[in-house]
Amino acid sequence: MADWVRGFGAYVEKQYALRPAYARRLLLAAYRAYGFKLRHLPNRELPPSKQYLATVCMDCMVRPLAHPERQVLTSIFTPCEVFHAMGLYPMCAEQFATYANGAGAEHGLIEAAERAGIAETFCSYHKAVTGAAVTGVLPRPLAIVNTSLACDANNLTFRKAAELTGAPQYYIDVPWQTDADAVDYVAEQLREMAAWLSDIAGRKLDGEALRACVARSKETIRLLCEVLPLRRTRYVPAELTSELYEVLMVHNALGMEETLQYASMLLRDYERAGERPGRRILWLHSNPFYQKAVQRFFNYRSDPFLALTEMCYDPLLCSEETDPWRAMAERLVMNSFNGPVERRIGKAVRMAETVGADGAVLFCHWGCKETCGAAAAIRDALEAEHIPTLILNGDGVDRRNAPDGQTSTRIGAFLEMLGEPS
């Protein structure tokens, strides 16, 4: 982390308890300034699609923070087409925490949550959001909407945030079954949520606008599915941060025109890309984008390189469903993170085969009991399919839980074990 970012973050953290609204304005000003930089001085090491992706994701952070009266605080897996169709701005917990880390200001929020009684072993993404609600850095949103998918933190964090901010909350229960009844059950909840949100926002949901959003989501997914086989032989420069940007785009930003534009640009970049023999890595779960020990192995590298990130493909369901409510519900019910771990394993194996992965890195993010608890089973299943797998412990947000020396040693040894690219 650059010294000026470290200094900025330290100053912001001092304001959390003293002047939370001022701290929020500082963060917002920093995000806006960085967005200006991304537009006018983009990262030339990245292809056009990834440059565009960075600017859109920054807008997705600035808008809800700048306009809390139109902000919907949500979880990463919540379908957001209803919000987009109503002119509201979703902001997911993981997005907020990741950007706080990017500003060097996550530690104070995490400590505030722990002082308020949140366990040290709780997910640090969710601790950062809870800490923001505790201190008042998080403004009262218009509403809070979350699903039961895919972790225990979702069932706790948003309820706590609703208590602390006074914002109304809607909870979408997603059953483990993947039949038509489950889809109907979730679709009905989405309809009820839309009516509930219309009353709160004083905005009527336009049916045509919703259908247009869902149509864009389906076309976005179709284009991203076209990209998948090209990842097997072709190399497009990327880095860890871009992978997290794409996670945001294929979840909470689905349905936006900008997301469809990104998918089209990404396909074009892959079609124009040359073939490279580098070792292809399938990355499972989130990543510690800020950690130098990981950056030096995977940022802008053609060998090894990240062929695909798990959380960029879990919603890639090419559905034939014509009803917009059922299409959104189907994406939730059929998600590989829903239900028993065998579904997640099966999807991981299929994606590894699709992109020709030489190995996989399973990142056990601090506090993520679902991933950490299933890590051995996921590794064993992948290795049974001849996909060597490294279980890497770390933290996607909190720098205190990121041991550089150990991380560097383990990744280096794993890549050495994979041998030279074929």
Protein backbone atom coordinates (compact mmCIF):
# COMPACT_ATOMS: atom_id res chain seq x y z
CA MET A 1 0.00 0.00 0.00
CA ALA A 2 1.36 3.42 -0.97
CA ASP A 3 2.36 5.73 1.88
CA TRP A 4 -0.19 8.37 0.88
CA VAL A 5 -3.01 5.77 0.94
CA ARG A 6 -1.83 4.55 4.35
CA GLY A 7 -1.79 8.12 5.64
CA PHE A 8 -5.22 8.88 4.20
CA GLY A 9 -6.69 5.71 5.69
CA ALA A 10 -5.21 6.43 9.11
CA TYR A 11 -6.69 9.93 9.09
CA VAL A 12 -10.12 8.65 8.03
CA GLU A 13 -10.08 6.01 10.75
CA LYS A 14 -9.49 8.67 13.40
CA GLN A 15 -12.73 10.34 12.29
CA TYR A 16 -14.95 7.26 12.59
CA ALA A 17 -15.78 7.75 16.26
CA LEU A 18 -15.45 11.55 16.27
CA ARG A 19 -17.08 12.69 13.03
CA PRO A 20 -18.57 9.73 11.12
CA ALA A 21 -20.37 11.86 8.54
CA TYR A 22 -17.09 13.65 7.79
CA ALA A 23 -15.31 10.30 7.47
CA ARG A 24 -17.97 9.23 4.97
CA ARG A 25 -17.47 12.42 2.96
CA LEU A 26 -13.71 11.81 2.90
CA LEU A 27 -14.20 8.28 1.57
CA LEU A 28 -16.69 9.50 -1.01
CA ALA A 29 -14.30 12.23 -2.16
CA ALA A 30 -11.50 9.68 -2.49
CA TYR A 31 -13.69 7.33 -4.54
CA ARG A 32 -14.76 10.15 -6.82
CA ALA A 33 -11.17 11.27 -7.31
CA TYR A 34 -10.05 7.75 -8.13
CA GLY A 35 -12.96 7.38 -10.54
CA PHE A 36 -11.76 10.53 -12.32
CA LYS A 37 -8.29 9.03 -12.52
CA LEU A 38 -9.64 5.75 -13.94
CA ARG A 39 -11.47 7.62 -16.69
CA HIS A 40 -8.68 9.97 -17.71
CA LEU A 41 -5.57 7.97 -16.80
CA PRO A 42 -6.63 4.33 -17.15
CA ASN A 43 -4.36 1.39 -16.45
CA ARG A 44 -2.78 0.71 -19.85
CA GLU A 45 -1.62 -2.73 -18.75
CA LEU A 46 -5.26 -3.82 -18.90
CA PRO A 47 -7.39 -4.36 -22.04
CA PRO A 48 -10.26 -1.97 -22.85
CA SER A 49 -12.89 -4.17 -21.19
CA LYS A 50 -11.06 -4.20 -17.85
CA GLN A 51 -10.40 -0.46 -18.00
CA TYR A 52 -14.12 0.13 -18.58
CA LEU A 53 -15.00 -2.35 -15.83
CA ALA A 54 -13.01 -0.37 -13.24
CA THR A 55 -14.82 2.89 -14.02
CA VAL A 56 -18.28 1.32 -13.88
CA CYS A 57 -17.59 -0.40 -10.58
CA MET A 58 -16.39 2.86 -9.06
CA ASP A 59 -19.66 4.48 -10.13
CA CYS A 60 -21.51 1.58 -8.46
CA MET A 61 -19.77 2.51 -5.21
CA VAL A 62 -20.12 6.29 -5.46
CA ARG A 63 -23.83 6.44 -6.34
CA PRO A 64 -25.28 4.59 -3.30
CA LEU A 65 -22.86 6.27 -0.91
CA ALA A 66 -23.65 9.72 -2.30
CA HIS A 67 -27.42 9.12 -2.39
CA PRO A 68 -28.43 7.13 0.70
CA GLU A 69 -32.06 8.08 0.06
CA ARG A 70 -31.86 5.80 -3.02
CA GLN A 71 -29.48 3.21 -1.58
CA VAL A 72 -30.50 -0.41 -1.05
CA LEU A 73 -28.01 -2.21 1.19
CA THR A 74 -27.95 -5.77 -0.05
CA SER A 75 -26.09 -9.08 -0.18
CA ILE A 76 -23.90 -10.16 -3.07
CA PHE A 77 -26.34 -12.83 -4.32
CA THR A 78 -29.52 -10.72 -4.26
CA PRO A 79 -31.01 -10.17 -7.75
CA CYS A 80 -30.92 -6.41 -8.26
CA GLU A 81 -32.88 -5.90 -11.48
CA VAL A 82 -35.85 -4.60 -9.47
CA PHE A 83 -33.65 -1.90 -7.93
CA HIS A 84 -32.18 -0.88 -11.30
CA ALA A 85 -35.65 -0.73 -12.87
CA MET A 86 -36.80 1.59 -10.06
CA GLY A 87 -33.78 3.89 -10.31
CA LEU A 88 -32.37 2.74 -6.96
CA TYR A 89 -28.73 2.00 -6.16
CA PRO A 90 -27.77 -1.38 -4.66
CA MET A 91 -24.65 -1.61 -2.49
CA CYS A 92 -23.58 -5.01 -1.23
CA ALA A 93 -21.67 -5.68 1.98
CA GLU A 94 -18.64 -7.14 0.21
CA GLN A 95 -18.44 -4.14 -2.11
CA PHE A 96 -18.46 -1.66 0.78
CA ALA A 97 -15.79 -3.55 2.72
CA THR A 98 -13.53 -4.03 -0.30
CA TYR A 99 -13.56 -0.34 -1.15
CA ALA A 100 -12.86 0.57 2.49
CA ASN A 101 -9.79 -1.66 2.24
CA GLY A 102 -8.76 0.03 -1.00
CA ALA A 103 -8.77 3.34 0.89
CA GLY A 104 -6.65 1.85 3.67
CA ALA A 105 -9.52 2.44 6.10
CA GLU A 106 -10.99 -0.98 6.85
CA HIS A 107 -9.25 -1.60 10.17
CA GLY A 108 -11.14 1.02 12.18
CA LEU A 109 -14.50 -0.32 11.02
CA ILE A 110 -13.59 -3.91 11.88
CA GLU A 111 -12.39 -2.86 15.33
CA ALA A 112 -15.61 -0.90 15.91
CA ALA A 113 -17.64 -4.02 15.16
CA GLU A 114 -15.53 -6.13 17.51
CA ARG A 115 -15.87 -3.55 20.29
CA ALA A 116 -19.64 -3.73 19.77
CA GLY A 117 -19.57 -7.46 20.47
CA ILE A 118 -19.10 -8.99 17.01
CA ALA A 119 -16.83 -12.04 17.26
CA GLU A 120 -13.27 -11.73 16.01
CA THR A 121 -13.87 -14.90 13.97
CA PHE A 122 -16.82 -13.36 12.09
CA CYS A 123 -16.43 -12.64 8.37
CA SER A 124 -14.35 -9.48 7.98
CA TYR A 125 -16.41 -8.26 5.00
CA HIS A 126 -19.45 -8.23 7.23
CA LYS A 127 -17.57 -6.88 10.24
CA ALA A 128 -16.57 -3.84 8.17
CA VAL A 129 -20.21 -3.14 7.25
CA THR A 130 -21.38 -3.70 10.83
CA GLY A 131 -18.64 -1.38 12.09
CA ALA A 132 -19.80 1.27 9.62
CA ALA A 133 -23.34 0.94 10.95
CA VAL A 134 -22.13 1.05 14.57
CA THR A 135 -20.12 4.24 14.05
CA GLY A 136 -22.64 5.96 11.78
CA VAL A 137 -20.24 5.99 8.82
CA LEU A 138 -22.86 3.99 6.94
CA PRO A 139 -25.75 6.36 6.26
CA ARG A 140 -29.28 5.11 6.83
CA PRO A 141 -30.19 3.44 3.54
CA LEU A 142 -33.62 3.58 1.98
CA ALA A 143 -33.98 -0.16 2.58
CA ILE A 144 -32.09 -3.37 3.28
CA VAL A 145 -32.72 -6.45 1.15
CA ASN A 146 -30.80 -9.69 1.51
CA THR A 147 -31.08 -13.40 0.79
CA SER A 148 -30.28 -16.49 2.83
CA LEU A 149 -27.69 -17.39 0.19
CA ALA A 150 -24.97 -18.34 0.87
CA CYS A 151 -23.58 -17.84 4.38
CA ASP A 152 -24.52 -17.41 8.02
CA ALA A 153 -23.25 -13.83 7.99
CA ASN A 154 -26.09 -12.85 5.66
CA ASN A 155 -28.57 -13.96 8.30
CA LEU A 156 -26.96 -11.79 10.98
CA THR A 157 -25.29 -8.73 9.45
CA PHE A 158 -28.27 -7.23 7.67
CA ARG A 159 -30.59 -7.71 10.62
CA LYS A 160 -28.02 -5.93 12.80
CA ALA A 161 -27.60 -3.15 10.24
CA ALA A 162 -31.38 -2.69 10.17
CA GLU A 163 -31.44 -2.39 13.98
CA LEU A 164 -28.58 0.12 14.03
CA THR A 165 -29.71 2.33 11.13
CA GLY A 166 -33.47 2.02 11.53
CA ALA A 167 -33.84 1.04 7.88
CA PRO A 168 -36.60 -1.43 6.93
CA GLN A 169 -35.38 -4.90 5.95
CA TYR A 170 -36.71 -7.56 3.59
CA TYR A 171 -35.36 -11.12 3.75
CA ILE A 172 -35.51 -13.51 0.78
CA ASP A 173 -35.48 -17.16 1.82
CA VAL A 174 -33.92 -19.49 -0.77
CA PRO A 175 -34.66 -23.22 -0.33
CA TRP A 176 -32.04 -25.85 -1.11
CA GLN A 177 -34.35 -27.68 -3.50
CA THR A 178 -33.89 -26.90 -7.19
CA ASP A 179 -37.34 -27.81 -8.50
CA ALA A 180 -40.11 -25.69 -10.01
CA ASP A 181 -41.81 -25.24 -6.63
CA ALA A 182 -38.65 -23.68 -5.19
CA VAL A 183 -38.42 -21.29 -8.14
CA ASP A 184 -42.08 -20.31 -7.70
CA TYR A 185 -41.54 -19.79 -3.97
CA VAL A 186 -38.61 -17.40 -4.52
CA ALA A 187 -40.33 -15.63 -7.43
CA GLU A 188 -43.31 -14.85 -5.20
CA GLN A 189 -40.99 -13.39 -2.55
CA LEU A 190 -39.37 -11.19 -5.20
CA ARG A 191 -42.80 -9.90 -6.26
CA GLU A 192 -43.68 -9.14 -2.64
CA MET A 193 -40.33 -7.43 -2.13
CA ALA A 194 -40.93 -5.22 -5.16
CA ALA A 195 -44.34 -4.12 -3.85
CA TRP A 196 -42.86 -3.53 -0.38
CA LEU A 197 -40.02 -1.47 -1.83
CA SER A 198 -42.39 0.55 -4.03
CA ASP A 199 -44.30 1.64 -0.94
CA ILE A 200 -41.09 2.61 0.86
CA ALA A 201 -39.53 4.44 -2.07
CA GLY A 202 -42.72 6.03 -3.33
CA ARG A 203 -41.85 4.73 -6.78
CA LYS A 204 -43.95 2.40 -8.88
CA LEU A 205 -42.12 -0.45 -10.53
CA ASP A 206 -42.41 -0.21 -14.32
CA GLY A 207 -43.02 -3.72 -15.67
CA GLU A 208 -41.41 -2.91 -19.01
CA ALA A 209 -38.32 -1.50 -17.32
CA LEU A 210 -37.99 -4.68 -15.25
CA ARG A 211 -38.35 -6.90 -18.31
CA ALA A 212 -35.69 -4.85 -20.09
CA CYS A 213 -33.33 -5.23 -17.11
CA VAL A 214 -33.82 -8.99 -16.94
CA ALA A 215 -33.37 -9.26 -20.71
CA ARG A 216 -30.06 -7.44 -20.38
CA SER A 217 -29.05 -9.83 -17.59
CA LYS A 218 -29.77 -12.84 -19.78
CA GLU A 219 -27.87 -11.38 -22.72
CA THR A 220 -24.95 -10.51 -20.45
CA ILE A 221 -24.82 -14.08 -19.18
CA ARG A 222 -25.03 -15.42 -22.74
CA LEU A 223 -22.02 -13.34 -23.79
CA LEU A 224 -20.01 -14.35 -20.72
CA CYS A 225 -20.77 -18.00 -21.48
CA GLU A 226 -19.33 -17.41 -24.98
CA VAL A 227 -16.13 -16.16 -23.34
CA LEU A 228 -15.66 -19.31 -21.22
CA PRO A 229 -14.21 -21.67 -23.88
CA LEU A 230 -11.90 -18.91 -25.15
CA ARG A 231 -10.28 -18.79 -21.71
CA ARG A 232 -8.90 -22.28 -22.37
CA THR A 233 -6.25 -21.12 -24.82
CA ARG A 234 -6.23 -17.32 -24.84
CA TYR A 235 -4.71 -14.81 -22.48
CA VAL A 236 -6.17 -11.40 -21.62
CA PRO A 237 -4.14 -9.37 -19.06
CA ALA A 238 -5.85 -9.05 -15.69
CA GLU A 239 -5.13 -8.64 -12.01
CA LEU A 240 -6.76 -9.54 -8.72
CA THR A 241 -8.74 -6.33 -8.41
CA SER A 242 -10.31 -6.80 -11.84
CA GLU A 243 -11.50 -10.24 -10.77
CA LEU A 244 -13.37 -8.69 -7.83
CA TYR A 245 -14.79 -5.99 -10.08
CA GLU A 246 -16.22 -8.72 -12.31
CA VAL A 247 -17.76 -10.43 -9.28
CA LEU A 248 -19.69 -7.22 -8.61
CA MET A 249 -20.74 -6.87 -12.24
CA VAL A 250 -22.15 -10.38 -12.57
CA HIS A 251 -24.10 -10.12 -9.34
CA ASN A 252 -25.46 -6.77 -8.16
CA ALA A 253 -24.85 -4.95 -11.45
CA LEU A 254 -26.63 -7.51 -13.64
CA GLY A 255 -29.36 -5.78 -15.61
CA MET A 256 -27.45 -2.53 -16.11
CA GLU A 257 -26.62 -1.37 -19.62
CA GLU A 258 -23.00 -0.90 -18.53
CA THR A 259 -22.74 -4.56 -17.51
CA LEU A 260 -23.98 -5.72 -20.88
CA GLN A 261 -21.47 -3.37 -22.50
CA TYR A 262 -18.69 -4.87 -20.40
CA ALA A 263 -19.60 -8.42 -21.41
CA SER A 264 -19.56 -7.40 -25.07
CA MET A 265 -16.17 -5.71 -24.70
CA LEU A 266 -14.73 -8.69 -22.81
CA LEU A 267 -15.79 -11.10 -25.56
CA ARG A 268 -14.18 -8.80 -28.13
CA ASP A 269 -10.93 -8.69 -26.13
CA TYR A 270 -10.82 -12.49 -25.93
CA GLU A 271 -11.59 -12.90 -29.62
CA ARG A 272 -8.66 -10.62 -30.43
CA ALA A 273 -6.31 -12.15 -27.85
CA GLY A 274 -3.40 -14.37 -28.72
CA GLU A 275 -2.91 -17.88 -27.43
CA ARG A 276 -0.53 -18.39 -24.51
CA PRO A 277 0.82 -21.62 -22.99
CA GLY A 278 0.89 -20.34 -19.39
CA ARG A 279 -0.36 -22.36 -16.43
CA ARG A 280 -4.05 -21.64 -15.98
CA ILE A 281 -5.35 -21.26 -12.44
CA LEU A 282 -8.95 -21.61 -11.31
CA TRP A 283 -9.43 -19.31 -8.29
CA LEU A 284 -12.11 -20.37 -5.82
CA HIS A 285 -13.90 -17.83 -3.58
CA SER A 286 -12.83 -14.18 -3.03
CA ASN A 287 -9.23 -12.98 -3.18
CA PRO A 288 -6.85 -10.77 -1.14
CA PHE A 289 -6.49 -8.23 -3.97
CA TYR A 290 -4.39 -5.90 -1.80
CA GLN A 291 -1.76 -8.46 -0.71
CA LYS A 292 1.63 -8.02 -2.36
CA ALA A 293 2.55 -11.66 -1.84
CA VAL A 294 -0.37 -12.71 -4.06
CA GLN A 295 -0.15 -9.82 -6.52
CA ARG A 296 3.39 -10.68 -7.57
CA PHE A 297 2.28 -14.14 -8.70
CA PHE A 298 -0.93 -13.24 -10.52
CA ASN A 299 -1.11 -9.56 -11.53
CA TYR A 300 -0.41 -8.99 -15.25
CA ARG A 301 1.23 -12.40 -15.56
CA SER A 302 0.77 -14.73 -18.51
CA ASP A 303 2.34 -17.59 -16.54
CA PRO A 304 0.71 -18.38 -14.24
CA PHE A 305 -2.54 -16.51 -14.73
CA LEU A 306 -6.06 -16.57 -13.40
CA ALA A 307 -8.12 -18.30 -16.07
CA LEU A 308 -11.34 -17.88 -14.10
CA THR A 309 -12.63 -16.88 -10.66
CA GLU A 310 -15.37 -18.99 -9.08
CA MET A 311 -17.56 -16.06 -8.04
CA CYS A 312 -17.55 -14.78 -11.61
CA TYR A 313 -19.35 -17.85 -12.92
CA ASP A 314 -21.75 -18.99 -10.16
CA PRO A 315 -24.67 -16.94 -11.65
CA LEU A 316 -23.94 -17.94 -15.28
CA LEU A 317 -27.18 -19.77 -15.93
CA CYS A 318 -28.33 -19.57 -19.56
CA SER A 319 -32.04 -19.70 -18.80
CA GLU A 320 -34.91 -20.03 -21.24
CA GLU A 321 -37.32 -18.64 -18.67
CA THR A 322 -39.45 -15.82 -20.13
CA ASP A 323 -41.10 -14.63 -16.92
CA PRO A 324 -38.74 -12.03 -15.36
CA TRP A 325 -39.62 -13.00 -11.78
CA ARG A 326 -38.97 -16.68 -12.37
CA ALA A 327 -35.77 -15.87 -14.30
CA MET A 328 -34.37 -13.98 -11.29
CA ALA A 329 -35.59 -16.67 -8.90
CA GLU A 330 -34.09 -19.44 -11.01
CA ARG A 331 -30.69 -17.74 -10.88
CA LEU A 332 -30.86 -17.82 -7.08
CA VAL A 333 -32.20 -21.34 -6.68
CA MET A 334 -29.81 -22.88 -9.22
CA ASN A 335 -26.77 -21.00 -7.95
CA SER A 336 -23.81 -23.27 -7.23
CA PHE A 337 -23.45 -21.70 -3.76
CA ASN A 338 -26.98 -22.78 -2.82
CA GLY A 339 -27.43 -26.07 -1.04
CA PRO A 340 -25.00 -28.92 -0.44
CA VAL A 341 -21.31 -28.46 -1.25
CA GLU A 342 -21.56 -31.11 -3.99
CA ARG A 343 -23.24 -28.51 -6.24
CA ARG A 344 -20.35 -26.12 -5.77
CA ILE A 345 -17.85 -28.91 -6.39
CA GLY A 346 -19.63 -30.05 -9.54
CA LYS A 347 -19.65 -26.54 -10.98
CA ALA A 348 -15.98 -26.04 -10.08
CA VAL A 349 -14.99 -29.25 -11.85
CA ARG A 350 -16.95 -28.29 -14.97
CA MET A 351 -15.40 -24.83 -15.07
CA ALA A 352 -11.91 -26.23 -14.54
CA GLU A 353 -12.43 -28.55 -17.49
CA THR A 354 -13.89 -25.75 -19.62
CA VAL A 355 -10.92 -23.41 -19.14
CA GLY A 356 -8.32 -26.19 -19.07
CA ALA A 357 -7.16 -25.32 -15.54
CA ASP A 358 -3.75 -26.71 -14.61
CA GLY A 359 -4.48 -26.14 -10.95
CA ALA A 360 -6.83 -24.43 -8.50
CA VAL A 361 -6.36 -22.13 -5.52
CA LEU A 362 -9.09 -22.36 -2.88
CA PHE A 363 -8.95 -19.17 -0.82
CA CYS A 364 -10.22 -19.69 2.73
CA HIS A 365 -11.27 -16.17 3.66
CA TRP A 366 -11.16 -15.35 7.38
CA GLY A 367 -14.51 -16.04 9.01
CA CYS A 368 -16.10 -17.81 6.02
CA LYS A 369 -17.21 -20.99 7.73
CA GLU A 370 -18.94 -22.34 4.62
CA THR A 371 -15.75 -22.31 2.55
CA CYS A 372 -13.29 -23.17 5.31
CA GLY A 373 -15.44 -26.05 6.52
CA ALA A 374 -15.79 -27.50 3.02
CA ALA A 375 -12.20 -26.83 1.91
CA ALA A 376 -10.90 -30.38 2.31
CA ALA A 377 -13.90 -31.86 0.49
CA ILE A 378 -13.54 -29.38 -2.40
CA ARG A 379 -9.80 -30.03 -2.68
CA ASP A 380 -10.22 -33.81 -2.62
CA ALA A 381 -12.91 -33.70 -5.30
CA LEU A 382 -10.84 -31.50 -7.60
CA GLU A 383 -7.72 -33.58 -7.13
CA ALA A 384 -9.72 -36.71 -7.89
CA GLU A 385 -10.27 -35.08 -11.30
CA HIS A 386 -6.49 -34.49 -11.59
CA ILE A 387 -6.71 -30.79 -10.75
CA PRO A 388 -4.03 -30.01 -8.11
CA THR A 389 -5.50 -27.70 -5.50
CA LEU A 390 -3.90 -25.34 -2.98
CA ILE A 391 -5.88 -24.39 0.12
CA LEU A 392 -4.72 -20.85 0.90
CA ASN A 393 -5.70 -19.20 4.18
CA GLY A 394 -6.00 -15.44 4.32
CA ASP A 395 -8.36 -12.48 4.50
CA GLY A 396 -10.06 -10.62 1.68
CA VAL A 397 -10.35 -7.41 3.72
CA ASP A 398 -8.39 -7.29 6.98
CA ARG A 399 -4.64 -6.86 6.47
CA ARG A 400 -3.97 -8.17 9.98
CA ASN A 401 -4.84 -11.68 8.76
CA ALA A 402 -2.61 -11.66 5.66
CA PRO A 403 0.76 -13.33 6.40
CA ASP A 404 2.87 -12.37 3.40
CA GLY A 405 5.81 -14.68 4.05
CA GLN A 406 3.76 -17.82 4.51
CA THR A 407 1.48 -16.95 1.59
CA SER A 408 4.37 -16.35 -0.79
CA THR A 409 6.08 -19.59 0.22
CA ARG A 410 2.96 -21.69 -0.24
CA ILE A 411 2.00 -20.23 -3.63
CA GLY A 412 5.56 -20.54 -4.88
CA ALA A 413 5.79 -24.18 -3.82
CA PHE A 414 2.41 -24.95 -5.41
CA LEU A 415 3.39 -23.41 -8.74
CA GLU A 416 6.68 -25.27 -8.67
CA MET A 417 4.75 -28.49 -8.16
CA LEU A 418 2.62 -27.74 -11.22
CA GLY A 419 5.78 -27.65 -13.33
CA GLU A 420 6.41 -25.72 -16.50
CA PRO A 421 3.49 -24.77 -18.81
CA SER A 422 2.71 -27.37 -21.43
